[in-house]
Amino acid sequence: MKILHMISWILLVVGGLNWLLVVFGMDLATWGLPEIVAQVVYVLVGLSALLQLVTHRKDCKVCGSPMTQTSAGGM
């Protein structure tokens, strides 16, 4: 499961960087990639986001630790 977590995290970073490029008028489709390849990447990024949304708290040592919950209450 750790490999799937890392792959989805990397795809989320790719998606985030792509959105940054969209702000500047570029995205994966403008990099010369065929449209179908860009669409496959977009689907993989979206599925990665869903996977992280569902499994992040269980997989992340920081978010799942009781220490985080007590320190967040002190803010």
PDB file of N, CA and C in Angstrom:
ATOM      1  N   MET A   1       0.820  -1.194   0.000  1.00  0.00           N
ATOM      2  CA  MET A   1       0.000   0.000   0.000  1.00  0.00           C
ATOM      3  C   MET A   1       0.867   1.261   0.000  1.00  0.00           C
ATOM      4  N   LYS A   2       2.108   1.154   0.514  1.00  0.00           N
ATOM      5  CA  LYS A   2       2.975   2.318   0.555  1.00  0.00           C
ATOM      6  C   LYS A   2       3.333   2.778  -0.854  1.00  0.00           C
ATOM      7  N   ILE A   3       3.530   1.834  -1.769  1.00  0.00           N
ATOM      8  CA  ILE A   3       3.867   2.195  -3.150  1.00  0.00           C
ATOM      9  C   ILE A   3       2.711   2.960  -3.789  1.00  0.00           C
ATOM     10  N   LEU A   4       1.484   2.487  -3.572  1.00  0.00           N
ATOM     11  CA  LEU A   4       0.314   3.181  -4.111  1.00  0.00           C
ATOM     12  C   LEU A   4       0.202   4.585  -3.514  1.00  0.00           C
ATOM     13  N   HIS A   5       0.498   4.711  -2.236  1.00  0.00           N
ATOM     14  CA  HIS A   5       0.468   6.020  -1.566  1.00  0.00           C
ATOM     15  C   HIS A   5       1.489   6.967  -2.202  1.00  0.00           C
ATOM     16  N   MET A   6       2.695   6.488  -2.443  1.00  0.00           N
ATOM     17  CA  MET A   6       3.741   7.328  -3.021  1.00  0.00           C
ATOM     18  C   MET A   6       3.413   7.714  -4.467  1.00  0.00           C
ATOM     19  N   ILE A   7       2.899   6.767  -5.244  1.00  0.00           N
ATOM     20  CA  ILE A   7       2.524   7.074  -6.633  1.00  0.00           C
ATOM     21  C   ILE A   7       1.432   8.126  -6.663  1.00  0.00           C
ATOM     22  N   SER A   8       0.427   7.970  -5.796  1.00  0.00           N
ATOM     23  CA  SER A   8      -0.661   8.949  -5.791  1.00  0.00           C
ATOM     24  C   SER A   8      -0.167  10.307  -5.319  1.00  0.00           C
ATOM     25  N   TRP A   9       0.775  10.329  -4.376  1.00  0.00           N
ATOM     26  CA  TRP A   9       1.326  11.607  -3.910  1.00  0.00           C
ATOM     27  C   TRP A   9       2.090  12.300  -5.038  1.00  0.00           C
ATOM     28  N   ILE A  10       2.883  11.549  -5.770  1.00  0.00           N
ATOM     29  CA  ILE A  10       3.635  12.113  -6.898  1.00  0.00           C
ATOM     30  C   ILE A  10       2.669  12.666  -7.953  1.00  0.00           C
ATOM     31  N   LEU A  11       1.606  11.922  -8.235  1.00  0.00           N
ATOM     32  CA  LEU A  11       0.628  12.400  -9.215  1.00  0.00           C
ATOM     33  C   LEU A  11      -0.077  13.661  -8.721  1.00  0.00           C
ATOM     34  N   LEU A  12      -0.309  13.769  -7.426  1.00  0.00           N
ATOM     35  CA  LEU A  12      -0.905  14.994  -6.891  1.00  0.00           C
ATOM     36  C   LEU A  12       0.033  16.175  -7.047  1.00  0.00           C
ATOM     37  N   VAL A  13       1.322  15.943  -6.873  1.00  0.00           N
ATOM     38  CA  VAL A  13       2.301  17.013  -7.088  1.00  0.00           C
ATOM     39  C   VAL A  13       2.298  17.420  -8.557  1.00  0.00           C
ATOM     40  N   VAL A  14       2.271  16.455  -9.455  1.00  0.00           N
ATOM     41  CA  VAL A  14       2.208  16.749 -10.898  1.00  0.00           C
ATOM     42  C   VAL A  14       0.960  17.570 -11.207  1.00  0.00           C
ATOM     43  N   GLY A  15      -0.174  17.170 -10.622  1.00  0.00           N
ATOM     44  CA  GLY A  15      -1.409  17.916 -10.839  1.00  0.00           C
ATOM     45  C   GLY A  15      -1.349  19.331 -10.303  1.00  0.00           C
ATOM     46  N   GLY A  16      -0.754  19.486  -9.125  1.00  0.00           N
ATOM     47  CA  GLY A  16      -0.611  20.820  -8.548  1.00  0.00           C
ATOM     48  C   GLY A  16       0.290  21.711  -9.387  1.00  0.00           C
ATOM     49  N   LEU A  17       1.394  21.146  -9.853  1.00  0.00           N
ATOM     50  CA  LEU A  17       2.290  21.919 -10.722  1.00  0.00           C
ATOM     51  C   LEU A  17       1.609  22.268 -12.042  1.00  0.00           C
ATOM     52  N   ASN A  18       0.797  21.354 -12.543  1.00  0.00           N
ATOM     53  CA  ASN A  18       0.072  21.644 -13.774  1.00  0.00           C
ATOM     54  C   ASN A  18      -0.889  22.810 -13.575  1.00  0.00           C
ATOM     55  N   TRP A  19      -1.576  22.851 -12.426  1.00  0.00           N
ATOM     56  CA  TRP A  19      -2.477  23.982 -12.169  1.00  0.00           C
ATOM     57  C   TRP A  19      -1.701  25.289 -12.060  1.00  0.00           C
ATOM     58  N   LEU A  20      -0.506  25.222 -11.516  1.00  0.00           N
ATOM     59  CA  LEU A  20       0.333  26.407 -11.468  1.00  0.00           C
ATOM     60  C   LEU A  20       0.665  26.873 -12.887  1.00  0.00           C
ATOM     61  N   LEU A  21       0.956  25.925 -13.767  1.00  0.00           N
ATOM     62  CA  LEU A  21       1.253  26.274 -15.153  1.00  0.00           C
ATOM     63  C   LEU A  21       0.025  26.810 -15.880  1.00  0.00           C
ATOM     64  N   VAL A  22      -1.161  26.317 -15.516  1.00  0.00           N
ATOM     65  CA  VAL A  22      -2.399  26.804 -16.135  1.00  0.00           C
ATOM     66  C   VAL A  22      -2.554  28.297 -15.875  1.00  0.00           C
ATOM     67  N   VAL A  23      -2.165  28.738 -14.679  1.00  0.00           N
ATOM     68  CA  VAL A  23      -2.248  30.153 -14.348  1.00  0.00           C
ATOM     69  C   VAL A  23      -1.421  30.990 -15.327  1.00  0.00           C
ATOM     70  N   PHE A  24      -0.305  30.433 -15.768  1.00  0.00           N
ATOM     71  CA  PHE A  24       0.566  31.139 -16.699  1.00  0.00           C
ATOM     72  C   PHE A  24       0.267  30.817 -18.164  1.00  0.00           C
ATOM     73  N   GLY A  25      -0.878  30.176 -18.419  1.00  0.00           N
ATOM     74  CA  GLY A  25      -1.317  29.911 -19.783  1.00  0.00           C
ATOM     75  C   GLY A  25      -0.749  28.650 -20.411  1.00  0.00           C
ATOM     76  N   MET A  26      -0.177  27.791 -19.621  1.00  0.00           N
ATOM     77  CA  MET A  26       0.352  26.527 -20.133  1.00  0.00           C
ATOM     78  C   MET A  26      -0.235  25.387 -19.314  1.00  0.00           C
ATOM     79  N   ASP A  27      -0.357  24.216 -19.919  1.00  0.00           N
ATOM     80  CA  ASP A  27      -0.696  23.003 -19.182  1.00  0.00           C
ATOM     81  C   ASP A  27      -0.155  21.803 -19.949  1.00  0.00           C
ATOM     82  N   LEU A  28      -0.470  20.606 -19.479  1.00  0.00           N
ATOM     83  CA  LEU A  28       0.083  19.405 -20.107  1.00  0.00           C
ATOM     84  C   LEU A  28      -0.251  19.316 -21.595  1.00  0.00           C
ATOM     85  N   ALA A  29      -1.428  19.753 -21.975  1.00  0.00           N
ATOM     86  CA  ALA A  29      -1.830  19.669 -23.370  1.00  0.00           C
ATOM     87  C   ALA A  29      -0.984  20.574 -24.261  1.00  0.00           C
ATOM     88  N   THR A  30      -0.422  21.639 -23.708  1.00  0.00           N
ATOM     89  CA  THR A  30       0.381  22.554 -24.528  1.00  0.00           C
ATOM     90  C   THR A  30       1.853  22.171 -24.559  1.00  0.00           C
ATOM     91  N   TRP A  31       2.230  21.115 -23.867  1.00  0.00           N
ATOM     92  CA  TRP A  31       3.623  20.665 -23.868  1.00  0.00           C
ATOM     93  C   TRP A  31       3.942  19.788 -25.068  1.00  0.00           C
ATOM     94  N   GLY A  32       3.035  19.667 -26.014  1.00  0.00           N
ATOM     95  CA  GLY A  32       3.249  18.829 -27.178  1.00  0.00           C
ATOM     96  C   GLY A  32       2.821  17.389 -26.968  1.00  0.00           C
ATOM     97  N   LEU A  33       2.199  17.110 -25.814  1.00  0.00           N
ATOM     98  CA  LEU A  33       1.697  15.761 -25.581  1.00  0.00           C
ATOM     99  C   LEU A  33       0.413  15.553 -26.366  1.00  0.00           C
ATOM    100  N   PRO A  34       0.196  14.349 -26.886  1.00  0.00           N
ATOM    101  CA  PRO A  34      -1.097  14.079 -27.516  1.00  0.00           C
ATOM    102  C   PRO A  34      -2.231  14.273 -26.507  1.00  0.00           C
ATOM    103  N   GLU A  35      -3.361  14.694 -26.984  1.00  0.00           N
ATOM    104  CA  GLU A  35      -4.515  14.984 -26.126  1.00  0.00           C
ATOM    105  C   GLU A  35      -4.885  13.790 -25.248  1.00  0.00           C
ATOM    106  N   ILE A  36      -4.817  12.578 -25.813  1.00  0.00           N
ATOM    107  CA  ILE A  36      -5.198  11.391 -25.043  1.00  0.00           C
ATOM    108  C   ILE A  36      -4.241  11.165 -23.873  1.00  0.00           C
ATOM    109  N   VAL A  37      -2.959  11.451 -24.057  1.00  0.00           N
ATOM    110  CA  VAL A  37      -1.984  11.296 -22.971  1.00  0.00           C
ATOM    111  C   VAL A  37      -2.284  12.304 -21.861  1.00  0.00           C
ATOM    112  N   ALA A  38      -2.568  13.530 -22.235  1.00  0.00           N
ATOM    113  CA  ALA A  38      -2.908  14.549 -21.236  1.00  0.00           C
ATOM    114  C   ALA A  38      -4.161  14.143 -20.476  1.00  0.00           C
ATOM    115  N   GLN A  39      -5.154  13.600 -21.172  1.00  0.00           N
ATOM    116  CA  GLN A  39      -6.382  13.182 -20.503  1.00  0.00           C
ATOM    117  C   GLN A  39      -6.127  12.024 -19.540  1.00  0.00           C
ATOM    118  N   VAL A  40      -5.279  11.091 -19.924  1.00  0.00           N
ATOM    119  CA  VAL A  40      -4.944   9.969 -19.035  1.00  0.00           C
ATOM    120  C   VAL A  40      -4.252  10.492 -17.781  1.00  0.00           C
ATOM    121  N   VAL A  41      -3.338  11.439 -17.945  1.00  0.00           N
ATOM    122  CA  VAL A  41      -2.662  12.023 -16.785  1.00  0.00           C
ATOM    123  C   VAL A  41      -3.676  12.726 -15.890  1.00  0.00           C
ATOM    124  N   TYR A  42      -4.606  13.474 -16.475  1.00  0.00           N
ATOM    125  CA  TYR A  42      -5.620  14.168 -15.683  1.00  0.00           C
ATOM    126  C   TYR A  42      -6.477  13.170 -14.897  1.00  0.00           C
ATOM    127  N   VAL A  43      -6.854  12.073 -15.528  1.00  0.00           N
ATOM    128  CA  VAL A  43      -7.657  11.053 -14.838  1.00  0.00           C
ATOM    129  C   VAL A  43      -6.858  10.438 -13.693  1.00  0.00           C
ATOM    130  N   LEU A  44      -5.590  10.126 -13.928  1.00  0.00           N
ATOM    131  CA  LEU A  44      -4.752   9.551 -12.875  1.00  0.00           C
ATOM    132  C   LEU A  44      -4.571  10.520 -11.713  1.00  0.00           C
ATOM    133  N   VAL A  45      -4.413  11.796 -12.006  1.00  0.00           N
ATOM    134  CA  VAL A  45      -4.285  12.804 -10.949  1.00  0.00           C
ATOM    135  C   VAL A  45      -5.587  12.882 -10.150  1.00  0.00           C
ATOM    136  N   GLY A  46      -6.712  12.865 -10.813  1.00  0.00           N
ATOM    137  CA  GLY A  46      -8.004  12.904 -10.118  1.00  0.00           C
ATOM    138  C   GLY A  46      -8.227  11.686  -9.247  1.00  0.00           C
ATOM    139  N   LEU A  47      -7.890  10.502  -9.760  1.00  0.00           N
ATOM    140  CA  LEU A  47      -8.023   9.285  -8.963  1.00  0.00           C
ATOM    141  C   LEU A  47      -7.068   9.300  -7.775  1.00  0.00           C
ATOM    142  N   SER A  48      -5.892   9.860  -7.966  1.00  0.00           N
ATOM    143  CA  SER A  48      -4.933   9.977  -6.866  1.00  0.00           C
ATOM    144  C   SER A  48      -5.475  10.887  -5.773  1.00  0.00           C
ATOM    145  N   ALA A  49      -6.114  11.969  -6.172  1.00  0.00           N
ATOM    146  CA  ALA A  49      -6.704  12.878  -5.187  1.00  0.00           C
ATOM    147  C   ALA A  49      -7.792  12.161  -4.382  1.00  0.00           C
ATOM    148  N   LEU A  50      -8.618  11.379  -5.053  1.00  0.00           N
ATOM    149  CA  LEU A  50      -9.651  10.625  -4.342  1.00  0.00           C
ATOM    150  C   LEU A  50      -9.038   9.607  -3.383  1.00  0.00           C
ATOM    151  N   LEU A  51      -8.002   8.921  -3.834  1.00  0.00           N
ATOM    152  CA  LEU A  51      -7.332   7.949  -2.973  1.00  0.00           C
ATOM    153  C   LEU A  51      -6.737   8.628  -1.752  1.00  0.00           C
ATOM    154  N   GLN A  52      -6.072   9.750  -1.937  1.00  0.00           N
ATOM    155  CA  GLN A  52      -5.487  10.466  -0.803  1.00  0.00           C
ATOM    156  C   GLN A  52      -6.561  10.991   0.140  1.00  0.00           C
ATOM    157  N   LEU A  53      -7.673  11.434  -0.421  1.00  0.00           N
ATOM    158  CA  LEU A  53      -8.772  11.933   0.398  1.00  0.00           C
ATOM    159  C   LEU A  53      -9.298  10.847   1.328  1.00  0.00           C
ATOM    160  N   VAL A  54      -9.381   9.633   0.824  1.00  0.00           N
ATOM    161  CA  VAL A  54      -9.938   8.528   1.601  1.00  0.00           C
ATOM    162  C   VAL A  54      -8.909   7.928   2.556  1.00  0.00           C
ATOM    163  N   THR A  55      -7.649   7.810   2.146  1.00  0.00           N
ATOM    164  CA  THR A  55      -6.673   7.047   2.932  1.00  0.00           C
ATOM    165  C   THR A  55      -5.614   7.890   3.633  1.00  0.00           C
ATOM    166  N   HIS A  56      -5.620   9.189   3.473  1.00  0.00           N
ATOM    167  CA  HIS A  56      -4.517   9.997   3.982  1.00  0.00           C
ATOM    168  C   HIS A  56      -4.334   9.890   5.493  1.00  0.00           C
ATOM    169  N   ARG A  57      -5.386  10.019   6.246  1.00  0.00           N
ATOM    170  CA  ARG A  57      -5.264  10.017   7.705  1.00  0.00           C
ATOM    171  C   ARG A  57      -4.664   8.698   8.202  1.00  0.00           C
ATOM    172  N   LYS A  58      -5.024   7.593   7.566  1.00  0.00           N
ATOM    173  CA  LYS A  58      -4.492   6.297   7.968  1.00  0.00           C
ATOM    174  C   LYS A  58      -3.022   6.155   7.579  1.00  0.00           C
ATOM    175  N   ASP A  59      -2.648   6.670   6.401  1.00  0.00           N
ATOM    176  CA  ASP A  59      -1.288   6.512   5.884  1.00  0.00           C
ATOM    177  C   ASP A  59      -0.303   7.524   6.463  1.00  0.00           C
ATOM    178  N   CYS A  60      -0.760   8.703   6.823  1.00  0.00           N
ATOM    179  CA  CYS A  60       0.131   9.776   7.250  1.00  0.00           C
ATOM    180  C   CYS A  60       0.406   9.673   8.747  1.00  0.00           C
ATOM    181  N   LYS A  61       1.664   9.595   9.102  1.00  0.00           N
ATOM    182  CA  LYS A  61       2.033   9.496  10.516  1.00  0.00           C
ATOM    183  C   LYS A  61       1.751  10.789  11.268  1.00  0.00           C
ATOM    184  N   VAL A  62       1.832  11.922  10.600  1.00  0.00           N
ATOM    185  CA  VAL A  62       1.601  13.204  11.265  1.00  0.00           C
ATOM    186  C   VAL A  62       0.111  13.430  11.496  1.00  0.00           C
ATOM    187  N   CYS A  63      -0.695  13.209  10.477  1.00  0.00           N
ATOM    188  CA  CYS A  63      -2.136  13.459  10.595  1.00  0.00           C
ATOM    189  C   CYS A  63      -2.833  12.432  11.477  1.00  0.00           C
ATOM    190  N   GLY A  64      -2.316  11.229  11.538  1.00  0.00           N
ATOM    191  CA  GLY A  64      -2.949  10.181  12.320  1.00  0.00           C
ATOM    192  C   GLY A  64      -2.499  10.136  13.765  1.00  0.00           C
ATOM    193  N   SER A  65      -1.494  10.926  14.144  1.00  0.00           N
ATOM    194  CA  SER A  65      -0.971  10.849  15.508  1.00  0.00           C
ATOM    195  C   SER A  65      -1.838  11.650  16.468  1.00  0.00           C
ATOM    196  N   PRO A  66      -1.989  11.159  17.696  1.00  0.00           N
ATOM    197  CA  PRO A  66      -2.774  11.898  18.689  1.00  0.00           C
ATOM    198  C   PRO A  66      -2.129  13.235  19.058  1.00  0.00           C
ATOM    199  N   MET A  67      -0.816  13.361  18.909  1.00  0.00           N
ATOM    200  CA  MET A  67      -0.105  14.592  19.257  1.00  0.00           C
ATOM    201  C   MET A  67      -0.595  15.756  18.392  1.00  0.00           C
ATOM    202  N   THR A  68      -0.877  15.480  17.114  1.00  0.00           N
ATOM    203  CA  THR A  68      -1.354  16.535  16.206  1.00  0.00           C
ATOM    204  C   THR A  68      -2.691  17.087  16.680  1.00  0.00           C
ATOM    205  N   GLN A  69      -3.567  16.203  17.158  1.00  0.00           N
ATOM    206  CA  GLN A  69      -4.886  16.654  17.573  1.00  0.00           C
ATOM    207  C   GLN A  69      -4.796  17.548  18.810  1.00  0.00           C
ATOM    208  N   THR A  70      -3.903  17.243  19.743  1.00  0.00           N
ATOM    209  CA  THR A  70      -3.806  18.084  20.936  1.00  0.00           C
ATOM    210  C   THR A  70      -3.105  19.397  20.641  1.00  0.00           C
ATOM    211  N   SER A  71      -2.100  19.356  19.741  1.00  0.00           N
ATOM    212  CA  SER A  71      -1.400  20.614  19.445  1.00  0.00           C
ATOM    213  C   SER A  71      -2.263  21.525  18.595  1.00  0.00           C
ATOM    214  N   ALA A  72      -3.148  20.990  17.790  1.00  0.00           N
ATOM    215  CA  ALA A  72      -4.013  21.818  16.960  1.00  0.00           C
ATOM    216  C   ALA A  72      -5.053  22.535  17.831  1.00  0.00           C
ATOM    217  N   GLY A  73      -5.432  21.915  18.934  1.00  0.00           N
ATOM    218  CA  GLY A  73      -6.412  22.536  19.808  1.00  0.00           C
ATOM    219  C   GLY A  73      -5.857  23.736  20.546  1.00  0.00           C
ATOM    220  N   GLY A  74      -4.536  23.833  20.678  1.00  0.00           N
ATOM    221  CA  GLY A  74      -3.929  24.929  21.400  1.00  0.00           C
ATOM    222  C   GLY A  74      -3.800  26.198  20.586  1.00  0.00           C
ATOM    223  N   MET A  75      -4.098  26.145  19.295  1.00  0.00           N
ATOM    224  CA  MET A  75      -3.947  27.333  18.440  1.00  0.00           C
ATOM    225  C   MET A  75      -5.099  28.264  18.574  1.00  0.00           C
TER     226      MET A  75
END
